N, C-alpha and C. Protein backbone atom coordinates (compact mmCIF):
# COMPACT_ATOMS: atom_id res chain seq x y z
N MET A 1 31.47 -57.43 66.51
CA MET A 1 32.26 -56.94 67.63
C MET A 1 31.73 -57.54 68.92
N TYR A 2 32.67 -57.82 69.80
CA TYR A 2 32.30 -58.34 71.11
C TYR A 2 32.02 -57.17 72.04
N PRO A 3 31.11 -57.33 72.99
CA PRO A 3 30.88 -56.27 73.97
C PRO A 3 32.18 -55.98 74.73
N GLU A 4 32.51 -54.72 74.87
CA GLU A 4 33.76 -54.33 75.52
C GLU A 4 33.85 -54.90 76.94
N GLU A 5 32.71 -54.94 77.65
CA GLU A 5 32.75 -55.47 79.02
C GLU A 5 33.11 -56.96 79.04
N LEU A 6 32.85 -57.67 77.95
CA LEU A 6 33.22 -59.07 77.85
C LEU A 6 34.73 -59.24 77.66
N ILE A 7 35.31 -58.42 76.82
CA ILE A 7 36.73 -58.60 76.50
C ILE A 7 37.68 -57.79 77.40
N ALA A 8 37.14 -56.90 78.20
CA ALA A 8 38.01 -56.07 79.05
C ALA A 8 38.98 -56.89 79.90
N PRO A 9 38.54 -57.98 80.54
CA PRO A 9 39.51 -58.77 81.32
C PRO A 9 40.57 -59.42 80.44
N MET A 10 40.20 -59.77 79.20
CA MET A 10 41.17 -60.38 78.28
C MET A 10 42.19 -59.35 77.82
N ARG A 11 41.74 -58.14 77.59
CA ARG A 11 42.66 -57.05 77.26
C ARG A 11 43.62 -56.80 78.43
N ALA A 12 43.03 -56.80 79.64
CA ALA A 12 43.81 -56.47 80.84
C ALA A 12 44.93 -57.48 81.11
N GLU A 13 44.75 -58.73 80.70
CA GLU A 13 45.80 -59.72 80.92
C GLU A 13 47.11 -59.29 80.26
N LEU A 14 47.01 -58.51 79.19
CA LEU A 14 48.22 -58.02 78.52
C LEU A 14 48.54 -56.58 78.92
N SER A 15 47.53 -55.73 78.98
CA SER A 15 47.82 -54.32 79.32
C SER A 15 48.37 -54.19 80.74
N ASP A 16 47.98 -55.09 81.62
CA ASP A 16 48.48 -55.05 83.00
C ASP A 16 49.96 -55.38 83.11
N VAL A 17 50.53 -55.99 82.06
CA VAL A 17 51.97 -56.30 82.09
C VAL A 17 52.75 -55.44 81.08
N GLY A 18 52.14 -54.31 80.70
CA GLY A 18 52.89 -53.33 79.91
C GLY A 18 52.57 -53.23 78.44
N PHE A 19 51.59 -53.96 77.95
CA PHE A 19 51.22 -53.87 76.54
C PHE A 19 50.41 -52.61 76.29
N GLN A 20 50.75 -51.91 75.22
CA GLN A 20 49.92 -50.79 74.79
C GLN A 20 48.96 -51.31 73.73
N GLU A 21 47.75 -50.80 73.74
CA GLU A 21 46.74 -51.26 72.81
C GLU A 21 46.70 -50.36 71.58
N PHE A 22 46.83 -51.00 70.42
CA PHE A 22 46.64 -50.31 69.15
C PHE A 22 45.21 -50.60 68.72
N LYS A 23 44.42 -49.56 68.57
CA LYS A 23 43.02 -49.76 68.20
C LYS A 23 42.71 -49.25 66.80
N THR A 24 43.67 -48.57 66.18
CA THR A 24 43.45 -48.05 64.82
C THR A 24 44.61 -48.43 63.91
N ALA A 25 44.32 -48.41 62.62
CA ALA A 25 45.37 -48.68 61.63
C ALA A 25 46.46 -47.62 61.71
N GLU A 26 46.06 -46.38 62.01
CA GLU A 26 47.04 -45.29 62.10
C GLU A 26 48.04 -45.54 63.22
N GLN A 27 47.58 -46.03 64.35
CA GLN A 27 48.49 -46.31 65.46
C GLN A 27 49.51 -47.38 65.06
N VAL A 28 49.04 -48.41 64.37
CA VAL A 28 49.93 -49.48 63.91
C VAL A 28 50.94 -48.91 62.92
N SER A 29 50.45 -48.17 61.94
CA SER A 29 51.32 -47.60 60.90
C SER A 29 52.35 -46.64 61.47
N GLU A 30 51.92 -45.80 62.40
CA GLU A 30 52.86 -44.85 63.01
C GLU A 30 53.97 -45.57 63.75
N HIS A 31 53.61 -46.62 64.46
CA HIS A 31 54.63 -47.32 65.25
C HIS A 31 55.53 -48.19 64.39
N LEU A 32 54.94 -48.93 63.46
CA LEU A 32 55.72 -49.87 62.66
C LEU A 32 56.11 -49.32 61.29
N GLY A 33 56.08 -48.03 61.15
CA GLY A 33 56.43 -47.39 59.88
C GLY A 33 57.90 -47.53 59.53
N PRO A 34 58.31 -46.86 58.46
CA PRO A 34 59.69 -47.01 57.95
C PRO A 34 60.78 -46.57 58.93
N ASN A 35 60.42 -45.78 59.92
CA ASN A 35 61.43 -45.31 60.88
C ASN A 35 61.46 -46.14 62.16
N HIS A 36 60.78 -47.29 62.16
CA HIS A 36 60.73 -48.14 63.36
C HIS A 36 62.13 -48.60 63.74
N LYS A 37 62.47 -48.39 64.99
CA LYS A 37 63.75 -48.84 65.53
C LYS A 37 63.48 -49.67 66.78
N GLY A 38 64.35 -50.61 67.02
CA GLY A 38 64.20 -51.46 68.19
C GLY A 38 63.32 -52.65 67.87
N THR A 39 62.82 -53.29 68.93
CA THR A 39 61.98 -54.47 68.77
C THR A 39 60.58 -54.19 69.29
N THR A 40 59.60 -54.67 68.55
CA THR A 40 58.20 -54.55 68.96
C THR A 40 57.56 -55.92 68.85
N PHE A 41 56.95 -56.34 69.94
CA PHE A 41 56.23 -57.61 70.00
C PHE A 41 54.74 -57.31 69.99
N VAL A 42 54.04 -57.81 68.97
CA VAL A 42 52.60 -57.56 68.83
C VAL A 42 51.85 -58.86 69.03
N VAL A 43 50.87 -58.84 69.91
CA VAL A 43 49.99 -59.98 70.12
C VAL A 43 48.62 -59.64 69.53
N VAL A 44 48.16 -60.49 68.61
CA VAL A 44 46.78 -60.40 68.13
C VAL A 44 45.97 -61.22 69.13
N ASN A 45 45.30 -60.52 70.03
CA ASN A 45 44.55 -61.13 71.12
C ASN A 45 43.21 -61.63 70.59
N SER A 46 42.60 -62.54 71.33
CA SER A 46 41.37 -63.17 70.87
C SER A 46 40.57 -63.69 72.06
N VAL A 47 39.28 -63.96 71.82
CA VAL A 47 38.42 -64.52 72.86
C VAL A 47 38.52 -66.04 72.94
N CYS A 48 39.18 -66.68 72.00
CA CYS A 48 39.16 -68.14 71.92
C CYS A 48 39.87 -68.79 73.10
N GLY A 49 39.61 -70.06 73.25
CA GLY A 49 40.18 -70.82 74.36
C GLY A 49 41.69 -70.92 74.33
N CYS A 50 42.27 -71.02 73.13
CA CYS A 50 43.74 -71.14 73.08
C CYS A 50 44.41 -69.81 73.44
N ALA A 51 43.72 -68.70 73.24
CA ALA A 51 44.26 -67.41 73.69
C ALA A 51 44.24 -67.34 75.21
N ALA A 52 43.13 -67.79 75.78
CA ALA A 52 42.97 -67.74 77.24
C ALA A 52 43.86 -68.75 77.96
N GLY A 53 43.94 -69.96 77.41
CA GLY A 53 44.64 -71.02 78.11
C GLY A 53 46.12 -71.12 77.80
N ALA A 54 46.54 -70.59 76.64
CA ALA A 54 47.94 -70.78 76.25
C ALA A 54 48.62 -69.49 75.82
N ALA A 55 48.01 -68.72 74.94
CA ALA A 55 48.70 -67.55 74.37
C ALA A 55 49.00 -66.48 75.42
N ARG A 56 47.96 -65.96 76.05
CA ARG A 56 48.21 -64.88 77.03
C ARG A 56 49.06 -65.34 78.21
N PRO A 57 48.76 -66.51 78.81
CA PRO A 57 49.64 -66.96 79.89
C PRO A 57 51.07 -67.24 79.42
N GLY A 58 51.21 -67.74 78.19
CA GLY A 58 52.56 -67.98 77.66
C GLY A 58 53.35 -66.70 77.49
N VAL A 59 52.68 -65.66 77.02
CA VAL A 59 53.32 -64.35 76.88
C VAL A 59 53.76 -63.84 78.24
N ARG A 60 52.90 -63.94 79.22
CA ARG A 60 53.24 -63.48 80.57
C ARG A 60 54.42 -64.27 81.13
N PHE A 61 54.42 -65.58 80.91
CA PHE A 61 55.54 -66.43 81.34
C PHE A 61 56.84 -65.94 80.73
N ALA A 62 56.82 -65.68 79.42
CA ALA A 62 58.03 -65.23 78.72
C ALA A 62 58.54 -63.91 79.29
N LEU A 63 57.63 -62.98 79.53
CA LEU A 63 58.05 -61.68 80.05
C LEU A 63 58.62 -61.78 81.46
N GLU A 64 58.14 -62.74 82.23
CA GLU A 64 58.65 -62.94 83.58
C GLU A 64 60.02 -63.64 83.58
N ASN A 65 60.31 -64.40 82.53
CA ASN A 65 61.49 -65.26 82.54
C ASN A 65 62.60 -64.87 81.57
N ALA A 66 62.33 -64.02 80.61
CA ALA A 66 63.35 -63.65 79.63
C ALA A 66 64.29 -62.59 80.19
N SER A 67 65.57 -62.74 79.92
CA SER A 67 66.51 -61.71 80.35
C SER A 67 66.54 -60.56 79.34
N LYS A 68 66.19 -60.84 78.09
CA LYS A 68 66.07 -59.81 77.06
C LYS A 68 64.61 -59.74 76.66
N LYS A 69 64.12 -58.52 76.50
CA LYS A 69 62.71 -58.33 76.16
C LYS A 69 62.57 -57.28 75.07
N PRO A 70 61.48 -57.36 74.32
CA PRO A 70 61.23 -56.33 73.29
C PRO A 70 61.14 -54.94 73.91
N THR A 71 61.54 -53.94 73.13
CA THR A 71 61.48 -52.57 73.64
C THR A 71 60.04 -52.08 73.71
N THR A 72 59.17 -52.60 72.86
CA THR A 72 57.77 -52.21 72.89
C THR A 72 56.89 -53.46 72.86
N LEU A 73 55.87 -53.45 73.70
CA LEU A 73 54.86 -54.51 73.73
C LEU A 73 53.56 -53.89 73.26
N ALA A 74 52.92 -54.50 72.28
CA ALA A 74 51.68 -53.94 71.74
C ALA A 74 50.68 -55.07 71.50
N THR A 75 49.41 -54.72 71.49
CA THR A 75 48.37 -55.70 71.24
C THR A 75 47.22 -55.09 70.45
N VAL A 76 46.59 -55.93 69.66
CA VAL A 76 45.35 -55.59 68.96
C VAL A 76 44.38 -56.71 69.28
N PHE A 77 43.08 -56.40 69.26
CA PHE A 77 42.10 -57.42 69.64
C PHE A 77 41.24 -57.79 68.44
N ALA A 78 41.38 -59.05 68.01
CA ALA A 78 40.61 -59.55 66.86
C ALA A 78 39.12 -59.51 67.20
N GLY A 79 38.34 -59.00 66.26
CA GLY A 79 36.90 -58.90 66.46
C GLY A 79 36.47 -57.56 67.00
N ASN A 80 37.40 -56.75 67.50
CA ASN A 80 37.06 -55.44 68.03
C ASN A 80 37.89 -54.32 67.43
N ASP A 81 39.19 -54.48 67.45
CA ASP A 81 40.08 -53.44 66.90
C ASP A 81 40.30 -53.74 65.42
N ARG A 82 39.22 -53.74 64.65
CA ARG A 82 39.26 -54.25 63.27
C ARG A 82 40.29 -53.56 62.40
N GLU A 83 40.33 -52.24 62.42
CA GLU A 83 41.30 -51.52 61.58
C GLU A 83 42.74 -51.90 61.94
N ALA A 84 43.02 -51.94 63.23
CA ALA A 84 44.37 -52.26 63.70
C ALA A 84 44.74 -53.70 63.34
N VAL A 85 43.80 -54.62 63.53
CA VAL A 85 44.05 -56.03 63.20
C VAL A 85 44.30 -56.19 61.70
N GLU A 86 43.48 -55.53 60.89
CA GLU A 86 43.67 -55.60 59.44
C GLU A 86 45.04 -55.07 59.03
N LYS A 87 45.49 -54.00 59.67
CA LYS A 87 46.79 -53.43 59.33
C LYS A 87 47.92 -54.39 59.72
N ILE A 88 47.84 -54.97 60.90
CA ILE A 88 48.85 -55.95 61.32
C ILE A 88 48.86 -57.12 60.33
N ARG A 89 47.68 -57.60 59.97
CA ARG A 89 47.60 -58.73 59.04
C ARG A 89 48.19 -58.38 57.68
N GLU A 90 48.02 -57.13 57.27
CA GLU A 90 48.62 -56.67 56.01
C GLU A 90 50.15 -56.67 56.11
N ILE A 91 50.65 -56.21 57.24
CA ILE A 91 52.10 -56.10 57.44
C ILE A 91 52.76 -57.48 57.50
N VAL A 92 52.08 -58.48 58.05
CA VAL A 92 52.70 -59.79 58.22
C VAL A 92 52.48 -60.73 57.03
N LEU A 93 51.85 -60.24 55.96
CA LEU A 93 51.71 -61.07 54.77
C LEU A 93 53.08 -61.58 54.34
N PRO A 94 53.21 -62.79 53.88
CA PRO A 94 52.19 -63.69 53.36
C PRO A 94 51.54 -64.61 54.39
N TYR A 95 51.80 -64.40 55.69
CA TYR A 95 51.10 -65.22 56.68
C TYR A 95 49.61 -64.95 56.59
N PRO A 96 48.79 -66.00 56.66
CA PRO A 96 47.34 -65.80 56.58
C PRO A 96 46.79 -65.22 57.88
N PRO A 97 45.58 -64.65 57.83
CA PRO A 97 44.95 -64.14 59.05
C PRO A 97 44.90 -65.23 60.12
N SER A 98 45.24 -64.85 61.32
CA SER A 98 45.30 -65.80 62.42
C SER A 98 45.08 -65.07 63.73
N SER A 99 44.23 -65.64 64.57
CA SER A 99 44.10 -65.10 65.92
C SER A 99 43.77 -66.26 66.87
N PRO A 100 44.50 -66.33 67.95
CA PRO A 100 45.58 -65.41 68.31
C PRO A 100 46.80 -65.62 67.42
N ALA A 101 47.66 -64.64 67.48
CA ALA A 101 48.93 -64.69 66.75
C ALA A 101 49.91 -63.76 67.46
N MET A 102 51.18 -63.94 67.15
CA MET A 102 52.22 -63.11 67.76
C MET A 102 53.26 -62.78 66.71
N ALA A 103 53.70 -61.53 66.69
CA ALA A 103 54.68 -61.09 65.71
C ALA A 103 55.77 -60.28 66.41
N LEU A 104 57.01 -60.56 66.07
CA LEU A 104 58.12 -59.78 66.58
C LEU A 104 58.77 -59.04 65.41
N PHE A 105 58.87 -57.74 65.57
CA PHE A 105 59.49 -56.87 64.57
C PHE A 105 60.79 -56.32 65.14
N LYS A 106 61.80 -56.23 64.28
CA LYS A 106 63.07 -55.62 64.68
C LYS A 106 63.47 -54.64 63.60
N ASP A 107 63.63 -53.39 63.99
CA ASP A 107 63.99 -52.31 63.07
C ASP A 107 63.10 -52.31 61.83
N GLY A 108 61.81 -52.50 62.06
CA GLY A 108 60.83 -52.42 60.99
C GLY A 108 60.59 -53.69 60.21
N GLU A 109 61.35 -54.74 60.49
CA GLU A 109 61.21 -56.00 59.75
C GLU A 109 60.58 -57.07 60.63
N LEU A 110 59.67 -57.84 60.05
CA LEU A 110 59.11 -58.98 60.77
C LEU A 110 60.20 -60.06 60.87
N VAL A 111 60.55 -60.45 62.10
CA VAL A 111 61.61 -61.43 62.27
C VAL A 111 61.10 -62.76 62.83
N HIS A 112 59.90 -62.76 63.38
CA HIS A 112 59.34 -64.02 63.91
C HIS A 112 57.83 -63.89 63.97
N PHE A 113 57.13 -64.97 63.60
CA PHE A 113 55.66 -64.96 63.61
C PHE A 113 55.16 -66.30 64.13
N ILE A 114 54.20 -66.22 65.02
CA ILE A 114 53.57 -67.41 65.59
C ILE A 114 52.10 -67.38 65.22
N GLU A 115 51.68 -68.39 64.46
CA GLU A 115 50.29 -68.49 64.04
C GLU A 115 49.47 -69.30 65.06
N ARG A 116 48.15 -69.21 64.92
CA ARG A 116 47.26 -69.93 65.81
C ARG A 116 47.60 -71.42 65.87
N HIS A 117 47.90 -72.03 64.73
CA HIS A 117 48.16 -73.48 64.75
C HIS A 117 49.45 -73.82 65.50
N HIS A 118 50.31 -72.83 65.76
CA HIS A 118 51.48 -73.05 66.61
C HIS A 118 51.14 -72.91 68.09
N ILE A 119 49.96 -72.37 68.38
CA ILE A 119 49.51 -72.14 69.75
C ILE A 119 48.58 -73.26 70.22
N GLU A 120 47.65 -73.63 69.34
CA GLU A 120 46.68 -74.67 69.68
C GLU A 120 47.38 -75.97 70.08
N GLY A 121 46.90 -76.56 71.16
CA GLY A 121 47.44 -77.85 71.59
C GLY A 121 48.74 -77.77 72.35
N ARG A 122 49.24 -76.57 72.57
CA ARG A 122 50.48 -76.41 73.32
C ARG A 122 50.18 -75.72 74.65
N SER A 123 50.98 -76.01 75.62
CA SER A 123 50.78 -75.41 76.94
C SER A 123 51.32 -73.98 76.97
N ALA A 124 50.85 -73.24 77.93
CA ALA A 124 51.36 -71.87 78.12
C ALA A 124 52.87 -71.90 78.37
N LYS A 125 53.33 -72.89 79.11
CA LYS A 125 54.76 -72.97 79.41
C LYS A 125 55.56 -73.24 78.13
N MET A 126 55.05 -74.10 77.25
CA MET A 126 55.76 -74.37 75.99
C MET A 126 55.85 -73.11 75.15
N ILE A 127 54.76 -72.37 75.07
CA ILE A 127 54.76 -71.13 74.30
C ILE A 127 55.68 -70.12 74.94
N GLY A 128 55.60 -70.01 76.26
CA GLY A 128 56.45 -69.08 76.98
C GLY A 128 57.93 -69.39 76.81
N GLU A 129 58.29 -70.66 76.89
CA GLU A 129 59.70 -71.04 76.72
C GLU A 129 60.18 -70.73 75.30
N HIS A 130 59.31 -70.96 74.33
CA HIS A 130 59.66 -70.63 72.95
C HIS A 130 59.89 -69.12 72.81
N LEU A 131 58.99 -68.33 73.39
CA LEU A 131 59.14 -66.88 73.30
C LEU A 131 60.40 -66.39 74.01
N VAL A 132 60.76 -67.01 75.11
CA VAL A 132 62.01 -66.64 75.80
C VAL A 132 63.17 -66.81 74.82
N GLU A 133 63.22 -67.93 74.10
CA GLU A 133 64.29 -68.16 73.12
C GLU A 133 64.26 -67.11 72.01
N VAL A 134 63.06 -66.79 71.54
CA VAL A 134 62.92 -65.79 70.47
C VAL A 134 63.42 -64.44 70.96
N PHE A 135 63.01 -64.04 72.16
CA PHE A 135 63.44 -62.74 72.72
C PHE A 135 64.96 -62.73 72.91
N GLU A 136 65.51 -63.82 73.41
CA GLU A 136 66.95 -63.87 73.63
C GLU A 136 67.71 -63.71 72.32
N HIS A 137 67.17 -64.28 71.27
CA HIS A 137 67.85 -64.23 69.97
C HIS A 137 67.73 -62.87 69.29
N PHE A 138 66.53 -62.26 69.32
CA PHE A 138 66.29 -61.06 68.52
C PHE A 138 66.33 -59.74 69.30
N CYS A 139 66.17 -59.79 70.60
CA CYS A 139 66.05 -58.53 71.37
C CYS A 139 67.38 -58.07 71.95
């Protein structure tokens, strides 16, 4: 686990724009359970450089520019929110564990998933523009 004081600013980059933090498997299960309605966008946050340089800024870009947005924004932090991260990873199978990663759920079904290898080497703007298209299509 990373020291909380180290990751607090990384958490804040998402919580400051409306993301709720899921820290337990129960929180994930309660929200994404069989009665899930609407759209939920989950970001598996991370300390890595591609999370800092592309993933989080790309998410913020998308939220600033999309006309349609998910009804719920949620995040889990890889390396700290272990139970919650494990539950998200279980739900998105057969996708392998990946952080950072992004998942969009609609009415309880996974409809779009972005793995780390889709984030690495891409700019925040490229990721953000992609997310705008995803939100427009599914939200």
